[in-house]
Amino acid sequence: MSSEVEIRRGPENGRYVLMVDDRQFHLLRRAVVVFLHREESAAVRALVTGAEEITLAGPLQLDASYDDVVPGPVQLTFAQFHAVYGILTSLPTVTWTEEEFVERVGDFRESVLRMALLLRSGLLSSGLPV
């Protein structure tokens, strides 16, 4: 996994483009899929994502099978960016054993938290406004 995530202004006003490598893309996608399938409470989903309803299906190709996914830059609104960051920071707090976590998410808690840190650092380095 790359040691950084570059964040650029998207082609549409108010959008951010996360320049992620393939491994980072798949980690983001898996974390979101696991969270959405695990968390049935609408209140908790809203708490973590910052919104009652947020869609991440398009940017992370959630409706595509793994074999059909084309990793690459991820274009998000700030609300979607916030939701992904919230998922990355909260998912490691689930009470699964480390073995269960790795089996479900496909990576270690530390990797998920590191991805959250890379997003935060990338936004800080970008100098882009909200």
N, C-alpha and C. Protein backbone atom coordinates (compact mmCIF):
# COMPACT_ATOMS: atom_id res chain seq x y z
N MET A 1 0.86 -1.18 0.00
CA MET A 1 0.00 0.00 0.00
C MET A 1 0.89 1.23 0.00
N SER A 2 0.52 2.19 -0.80
CA SER A 2 1.27 3.44 -0.88
C SER A 2 1.26 4.13 0.48
N SER A 3 2.25 4.96 0.70
CA SER A 3 2.35 5.64 1.99
C SER A 3 1.63 6.98 2.00
N GLU A 4 0.88 7.26 0.96
CA GLU A 4 0.09 8.50 0.94
C GLU A 4 -1.10 8.38 0.00
N VAL A 5 -2.02 9.31 0.18
CA VAL A 5 -3.16 9.44 -0.72
C VAL A 5 -3.21 10.91 -1.13
N GLU A 6 -3.07 11.14 -2.41
CA GLU A 6 -3.17 12.50 -2.92
C GLU A 6 -4.65 12.80 -3.14
N ILE A 7 -5.06 13.99 -2.74
CA ILE A 7 -6.45 14.39 -2.92
C ILE A 7 -6.46 15.65 -3.78
N ARG A 8 -7.27 15.59 -4.83
CA ARG A 8 -7.37 16.70 -5.78
C ARG A 8 -8.80 17.20 -5.84
N ARG A 9 -8.96 18.38 -6.37
CA ARG A 9 -10.29 18.93 -6.63
C ARG A 9 -10.91 18.14 -7.77
N GLY A 10 -12.16 17.76 -7.61
CA GLY A 10 -12.84 17.00 -8.64
C GLY A 10 -13.29 17.89 -9.78
N PRO A 11 -13.72 17.27 -10.89
CA PRO A 11 -14.18 18.04 -12.03
C PRO A 11 -15.48 18.80 -11.75
N GLU A 12 -16.24 18.29 -10.79
CA GLU A 12 -17.47 18.98 -10.38
C GLU A 12 -17.18 19.73 -9.09
N ASN A 13 -17.74 20.91 -8.96
CA ASN A 13 -17.53 21.71 -7.76
C ASN A 13 -17.96 20.93 -6.52
N GLY A 14 -17.18 20.98 -5.49
CA GLY A 14 -17.52 20.32 -4.25
C GLY A 14 -17.17 18.84 -4.21
N ARG A 15 -16.44 18.37 -5.19
CA ARG A 15 -16.03 16.95 -5.21
C ARG A 15 -14.52 16.85 -5.00
N TYR A 16 -14.14 15.73 -4.43
CA TYR A 16 -12.74 15.44 -4.17
C TYR A 16 -12.39 14.14 -4.90
N VAL A 17 -11.19 14.09 -5.42
CA VAL A 17 -10.72 12.88 -6.08
C VAL A 17 -9.58 12.31 -5.24
N LEU A 18 -9.78 11.11 -4.75
CA LEU A 18 -8.78 10.43 -3.96
C LEU A 18 -7.95 9.58 -4.91
N MET A 19 -6.69 9.90 -5.02
CA MET A 19 -5.78 9.16 -5.88
C MET A 19 -5.23 7.99 -5.06
N VAL A 20 -5.85 6.84 -5.22
CA VAL A 20 -5.50 5.66 -4.43
C VAL A 20 -4.92 4.57 -5.33
N ASP A 21 -4.05 3.76 -4.74
CA ASP A 21 -3.55 2.61 -5.50
C ASP A 21 -4.58 1.48 -5.40
N ASP A 22 -4.34 0.39 -6.10
CA ASP A 22 -5.31 -0.71 -6.15
C ASP A 22 -5.61 -1.26 -4.75
N ARG A 23 -4.57 -1.46 -3.95
CA ARG A 23 -4.77 -2.04 -2.62
C ARG A 23 -5.60 -1.10 -1.75
N GLN A 24 -5.31 0.19 -1.82
CA GLN A 24 -6.08 1.18 -1.05
C GLN A 24 -7.53 1.19 -1.50
N PHE A 25 -7.75 1.13 -2.81
CA PHE A 25 -9.11 1.12 -3.33
C PHE A 25 -9.89 -0.07 -2.77
N HIS A 26 -9.28 -1.25 -2.84
CA HIS A 26 -9.96 -2.45 -2.37
C HIS A 26 -10.18 -2.43 -0.86
N LEU A 27 -9.26 -1.84 -0.12
CA LEU A 27 -9.44 -1.72 1.33
C LEU A 27 -10.62 -0.80 1.63
N LEU A 28 -10.70 0.33 0.95
CA LEU A 28 -11.84 1.24 1.13
C LEU A 28 -13.14 0.52 0.81
N ARG A 29 -13.16 -0.16 -0.31
CA ARG A 29 -14.36 -0.86 -0.76
C ARG A 29 -14.79 -1.94 0.23
N ARG A 30 -13.83 -2.76 0.66
CA ARG A 30 -14.16 -3.84 1.60
C ARG A 30 -14.65 -3.29 2.93
N ALA A 31 -14.01 -2.24 3.43
CA ALA A 31 -14.43 -1.65 4.71
C ALA A 31 -15.87 -1.16 4.62
N VAL A 32 -16.21 -0.49 3.54
CA VAL A 32 -17.57 0.02 3.37
C VAL A 32 -18.56 -1.13 3.23
N VAL A 33 -18.23 -2.13 2.44
CA VAL A 33 -19.12 -3.29 2.26
C VAL A 33 -19.37 -3.97 3.60
N VAL A 34 -18.32 -4.22 4.35
CA VAL A 34 -18.47 -4.89 5.66
C VAL A 34 -19.32 -4.04 6.59
N PHE A 35 -19.06 -2.75 6.64
CA PHE A 35 -19.85 -1.87 7.52
C PHE A 35 -21.32 -1.89 7.12
N LEU A 36 -21.60 -1.73 5.84
CA LEU A 36 -22.99 -1.65 5.40
C LEU A 36 -23.74 -2.96 5.62
N HIS A 37 -23.06 -4.08 5.50
CA HIS A 37 -23.72 -5.37 5.72
C HIS A 37 -23.82 -5.72 7.20
N ARG A 38 -22.91 -5.19 7.99
CA ARG A 38 -22.88 -5.51 9.42
C ARG A 38 -23.84 -4.63 10.22
N GLU A 39 -23.85 -3.35 9.90
CA GLU A 39 -24.56 -2.38 10.73
C GLU A 39 -26.00 -2.21 10.28
N GLU A 40 -26.92 -2.78 11.06
CA GLU A 40 -28.34 -2.71 10.72
C GLU A 40 -29.03 -1.52 11.38
N SER A 41 -28.43 -0.96 12.40
CA SER A 41 -29.04 0.15 13.10
C SER A 41 -28.90 1.44 12.30
N ALA A 42 -30.03 2.01 11.93
CA ALA A 42 -30.01 3.28 11.18
C ALA A 42 -29.37 4.39 11.99
N ALA A 43 -29.58 4.37 13.30
CA ALA A 43 -29.00 5.40 14.16
C ALA A 43 -27.47 5.30 14.17
N VAL A 44 -26.95 4.10 14.28
CA VAL A 44 -25.50 3.92 14.29
C VAL A 44 -24.91 4.25 12.93
N ARG A 45 -25.60 3.85 11.87
CA ARG A 45 -25.11 4.19 10.53
C ARG A 45 -25.03 5.70 10.37
N ALA A 46 -26.04 6.42 10.83
CA ALA A 46 -26.04 7.88 10.73
C ALA A 46 -24.94 8.48 11.61
N LEU A 47 -24.73 7.93 12.78
CA LEU A 47 -23.68 8.42 13.68
C LEU A 47 -22.31 8.28 13.02
N VAL A 48 -22.04 7.13 12.46
CA VAL A 48 -20.74 6.86 11.87
C VAL A 48 -20.53 7.64 10.58
N THR A 49 -21.54 7.68 9.72
CA THR A 49 -21.37 8.31 8.41
C THR A 49 -21.67 9.80 8.40
N GLY A 50 -22.34 10.29 9.43
CA GLY A 50 -22.67 11.70 9.48
C GLY A 50 -23.93 12.08 8.73
N ALA A 51 -24.67 11.08 8.27
CA ALA A 51 -25.89 11.35 7.52
C ALA A 51 -26.84 10.17 7.65
N GLU A 52 -28.14 10.46 7.59
CA GLU A 52 -29.11 9.37 7.65
C GLU A 52 -29.05 8.52 6.40
N GLU A 53 -28.85 9.13 5.27
CA GLU A 53 -28.75 8.41 4.00
C GLU A 53 -27.51 8.92 3.26
N ILE A 54 -26.66 8.02 2.91
CA ILE A 54 -25.48 8.37 2.11
C ILE A 54 -25.23 7.22 1.15
N THR A 55 -24.94 7.54 -0.08
CA THR A 55 -24.68 6.48 -1.05
C THR A 55 -23.21 6.47 -1.43
N LEU A 56 -22.64 5.29 -1.36
CA LEU A 56 -21.25 5.10 -1.75
C LEU A 56 -21.13 4.06 -2.86
N ALA A 57 -22.29 3.61 -3.34
CA ALA A 57 -22.31 2.53 -4.34
C ALA A 57 -21.56 2.91 -5.61
N GLY A 58 -21.82 4.09 -6.14
CA GLY A 58 -21.17 4.50 -7.38
C GLY A 58 -19.67 4.67 -7.26
N PRO A 59 -19.21 5.52 -6.36
CA PRO A 59 -17.78 5.78 -6.28
C PRO A 59 -16.93 4.55 -5.95
N LEU A 60 -17.48 3.62 -5.17
CA LEU A 60 -16.71 2.44 -4.77
C LEU A 60 -17.16 1.17 -5.49
N GLN A 61 -18.01 1.33 -6.50
CA GLN A 61 -18.45 0.22 -7.33
C GLN A 61 -19.02 -0.94 -6.48
N LEU A 62 -19.85 -0.59 -5.51
CA LEU A 62 -20.36 -1.60 -4.58
C LEU A 62 -21.31 -2.60 -5.23
N ASP A 63 -21.92 -2.22 -6.33
CA ASP A 63 -22.85 -3.13 -7.00
C ASP A 63 -22.16 -4.09 -7.95
N ALA A 64 -20.87 -3.89 -8.18
CA ALA A 64 -20.12 -4.76 -9.09
C ALA A 64 -19.50 -5.92 -8.33
N SER A 65 -19.35 -7.04 -9.01
CA SER A 65 -18.65 -8.16 -8.38
C SER A 65 -17.17 -7.80 -8.30
N TYR A 66 -16.46 -8.47 -7.42
CA TYR A 66 -15.03 -8.17 -7.23
C TYR A 66 -14.28 -8.24 -8.55
N ASP A 67 -14.59 -9.23 -9.36
CA ASP A 67 -13.88 -9.41 -10.64
C ASP A 67 -14.18 -8.31 -11.65
N ASP A 68 -15.30 -7.62 -11.48
CA ASP A 68 -15.68 -6.56 -12.42
C ASP A 68 -15.26 -5.16 -11.96
N VAL A 69 -14.74 -5.06 -10.75
CA VAL A 69 -14.33 -3.76 -10.21
C VAL A 69 -13.07 -3.29 -10.91
N VAL A 70 -13.03 -1.99 -11.23
CA VAL A 70 -11.85 -1.38 -11.83
C VAL A 70 -11.30 -0.37 -10.83
N PRO A 71 -10.26 -0.76 -10.09
CA PRO A 71 -9.70 0.16 -9.09
C PRO A 71 -9.15 1.41 -9.75
N GLY A 72 -9.16 2.46 -9.00
CA GLY A 72 -8.61 3.71 -9.50
C GLY A 72 -9.04 4.86 -8.61
N PRO A 73 -8.87 6.06 -9.09
CA PRO A 73 -9.26 7.23 -8.30
C PRO A 73 -10.73 7.15 -7.89
N VAL A 74 -11.01 7.67 -6.71
CA VAL A 74 -12.37 7.65 -6.17
C VAL A 74 -12.84 9.09 -6.05
N GLN A 75 -13.95 9.41 -6.70
CA GLN A 75 -14.51 10.75 -6.67
C GLN A 75 -15.66 10.79 -5.67
N LEU A 76 -15.53 11.68 -4.68
CA LEU A 76 -16.51 11.76 -3.59
C LEU A 76 -16.92 13.20 -3.31
N THR A 77 -18.16 13.36 -2.88
CA THR A 77 -18.55 14.64 -2.29
C THR A 77 -17.92 14.69 -0.90
N PHE A 78 -17.95 15.84 -0.26
CA PHE A 78 -17.39 15.91 1.09
C PHE A 78 -18.18 15.02 2.05
N ALA A 79 -19.50 14.96 1.88
CA ALA A 79 -20.32 14.10 2.74
C ALA A 79 -19.93 12.63 2.57
N GLN A 80 -19.69 12.21 1.35
CA GLN A 80 -19.26 10.83 1.11
C GLN A 80 -17.86 10.59 1.68
N PHE A 81 -16.99 11.56 1.52
CA PHE A 81 -15.63 11.48 2.07
C PHE A 81 -15.72 11.31 3.59
N HIS A 82 -16.55 12.12 4.21
CA HIS A 82 -16.75 12.02 5.66
C HIS A 82 -17.26 10.64 6.05
N ALA A 83 -18.20 10.12 5.29
CA ALA A 83 -18.77 8.79 5.58
C ALA A 83 -17.69 7.71 5.51
N VAL A 84 -16.87 7.74 4.47
CA VAL A 84 -15.80 6.75 4.33
C VAL A 84 -14.83 6.87 5.50
N TYR A 85 -14.45 8.09 5.84
CA TYR A 85 -13.53 8.30 6.96
C TYR A 85 -14.16 7.78 8.27
N GLY A 86 -15.43 8.06 8.48
CA GLY A 86 -16.12 7.57 9.67
C GLY A 86 -16.15 6.06 9.74
N ILE A 87 -16.38 5.43 8.61
CA ILE A 87 -16.39 3.96 8.56
C ILE A 87 -15.01 3.41 8.89
N LEU A 88 -13.97 4.00 8.30
CA LEU A 88 -12.61 3.53 8.56
C LEU A 88 -12.20 3.69 10.02
N THR A 89 -12.65 4.75 10.65
CA THR A 89 -12.25 4.96 12.05
C THR A 89 -13.11 4.17 13.03
N SER A 90 -14.32 3.81 12.64
CA SER A 90 -15.19 3.08 13.57
C SER A 90 -15.12 1.56 13.41
N LEU A 91 -14.88 1.09 12.20
CA LEU A 91 -14.88 -0.35 11.96
C LEU A 91 -13.91 -1.11 12.87
N PRO A 92 -12.71 -0.59 13.12
CA PRO A 92 -11.80 -1.31 14.00
C PRO A 92 -12.28 -1.44 15.46
N THR A 93 -13.34 -0.75 15.82
CA THR A 93 -13.83 -0.83 17.20
C THR A 93 -14.83 -1.96 17.42
N VAL A 94 -15.19 -2.68 16.36
CA VAL A 94 -16.12 -3.80 16.54
C VAL A 94 -15.46 -4.85 17.42
N THR A 95 -16.28 -5.65 18.06
CA THR A 95 -15.76 -6.58 19.06
C THR A 95 -15.37 -7.95 18.50
N TRP A 96 -15.06 -8.02 17.23
CA TRP A 96 -14.58 -9.26 16.66
C TRP A 96 -13.16 -9.52 17.13
N THR A 97 -12.78 -10.79 17.19
CA THR A 97 -11.38 -11.11 17.44
C THR A 97 -10.58 -10.62 16.23
N GLU A 98 -9.28 -10.55 16.40
CA GLU A 98 -8.44 -10.10 15.28
C GLU A 98 -8.58 -11.06 14.10
N GLU A 99 -8.68 -12.33 14.37
CA GLU A 99 -8.84 -13.32 13.31
C GLU A 99 -10.16 -13.10 12.56
N GLU A 100 -11.24 -12.86 13.30
CA GLU A 100 -12.55 -12.59 12.67
C GLU A 100 -12.49 -11.31 11.84
N PHE A 101 -11.83 -10.29 12.40
CA PHE A 101 -11.73 -9.01 11.70
C PHE A 101 -11.03 -9.19 10.37
N VAL A 102 -9.89 -9.86 10.38
CA VAL A 102 -9.12 -10.08 9.16
C VAL A 102 -9.93 -10.91 8.17
N GLU A 103 -10.63 -11.91 8.66
CA GLU A 103 -11.44 -12.76 7.77
C GLU A 103 -12.54 -11.95 7.10
N ARG A 104 -13.18 -11.07 7.84
CA ARG A 104 -14.31 -10.31 7.30
C ARG A 104 -13.87 -9.12 6.45
N VAL A 105 -12.89 -8.38 6.94
CA VAL A 105 -12.47 -7.15 6.26
C VAL A 105 -11.36 -7.41 5.24
N GLY A 106 -10.59 -8.46 5.47
CA GLY A 106 -9.51 -8.77 4.54
C GLY A 106 -8.21 -8.10 4.87
N ASP A 107 -8.16 -7.44 6.02
CA ASP A 107 -6.93 -6.77 6.45
C ASP A 107 -7.00 -6.57 7.95
N PHE A 108 -5.89 -6.10 8.52
CA PHE A 108 -5.81 -5.87 9.96
C PHE A 108 -6.43 -4.54 10.35
N ARG A 109 -6.82 -4.44 11.62
CA ARG A 109 -7.36 -3.18 12.15
C ARG A 109 -6.40 -2.03 11.90
N GLU A 110 -5.12 -2.30 12.12
CA GLU A 110 -4.10 -1.25 11.94
C GLU A 110 -4.07 -0.73 10.51
N SER A 111 -4.30 -1.60 9.55
CA SER A 111 -4.31 -1.18 8.14
C SER A 111 -5.51 -0.29 7.84
N VAL A 112 -6.64 -0.62 8.43
CA VAL A 112 -7.84 0.19 8.24
C VAL A 112 -7.64 1.57 8.87
N LEU A 113 -7.09 1.60 10.07
CA LEU A 113 -6.82 2.89 10.72
C LEU A 113 -5.76 3.68 9.97
N ARG A 114 -4.77 2.99 9.42
CA ARG A 114 -3.73 3.68 8.64
C ARG A 114 -4.35 4.31 7.40
N MET A 115 -5.31 3.64 6.78
CA MET A 115 -5.99 4.22 5.61
C MET A 115 -6.73 5.49 6.01
N ALA A 116 -7.37 5.48 7.17
CA ALA A 116 -8.05 6.69 7.66
C ALA A 116 -7.04 7.82 7.85
N LEU A 117 -5.88 7.49 8.40
CA LEU A 117 -4.84 8.49 8.59
C LEU A 117 -4.34 9.03 7.25
N LEU A 118 -4.21 8.16 6.25
CA LEU A 118 -3.78 8.61 4.93
C LEU A 118 -4.79 9.57 4.31
N LEU A 119 -6.09 9.30 4.50
CA LEU A 119 -7.11 10.21 3.99
C LEU A 119 -7.03 11.57 4.69
N ARG A 120 -6.87 11.52 5.99
CA ARG A 120 -6.77 12.77 6.76
C ARG A 120 -5.54 13.56 6.33
N SER A 121 -4.40 12.89 6.22
CA SER A 121 -3.16 13.56 5.81
C SER A 121 -3.27 14.10 4.39
N GLY A 122 -3.91 13.32 3.52
CA GLY A 122 -4.09 13.76 2.14
C GLY A 122 -4.94 15.01 2.03
N LEU A 123 -5.99 15.08 2.83
CA LEU A 123 -6.84 16.26 2.82
C LEU A 123 -6.08 17.47 3.36
N LEU A 124 -5.34 17.26 4.42
CA LEU A 124 -4.54 18.35 5.00
C LEU A 124 -3.53 18.85 3.99
N SER A 125 -2.84 17.94 3.32
CA SER A 125 -1.82 18.33 2.34
C SER A 125 -2.40 19.00 1.11
N SER A 126 -3.65 18.67 0.79
CA SER A 126 -4.25 19.21 -0.44
C SER A 126 -4.54 20.70 -0.35
N GLY A 127 -4.79 21.17 0.87
CA GLY A 127 -5.14 22.58 1.03
C GLY A 127 -6.51 22.94 0.47
N LEU A 128 -7.29 21.91 0.10
CA LEU A 128 -8.61 22.16 -0.47
C LEU A 128 -9.61 22.55 0.61
N PRO A 129 -10.49 23.49 0.33
CA PRO A 129 -11.53 23.84 1.30
C PRO A 129 -12.64 22.79 1.32
N VAL A 130 -13.45 22.84 2.35
CA VAL A 130 -14.59 21.93 2.45
C VAL A 130 -15.63 22.34 1.45
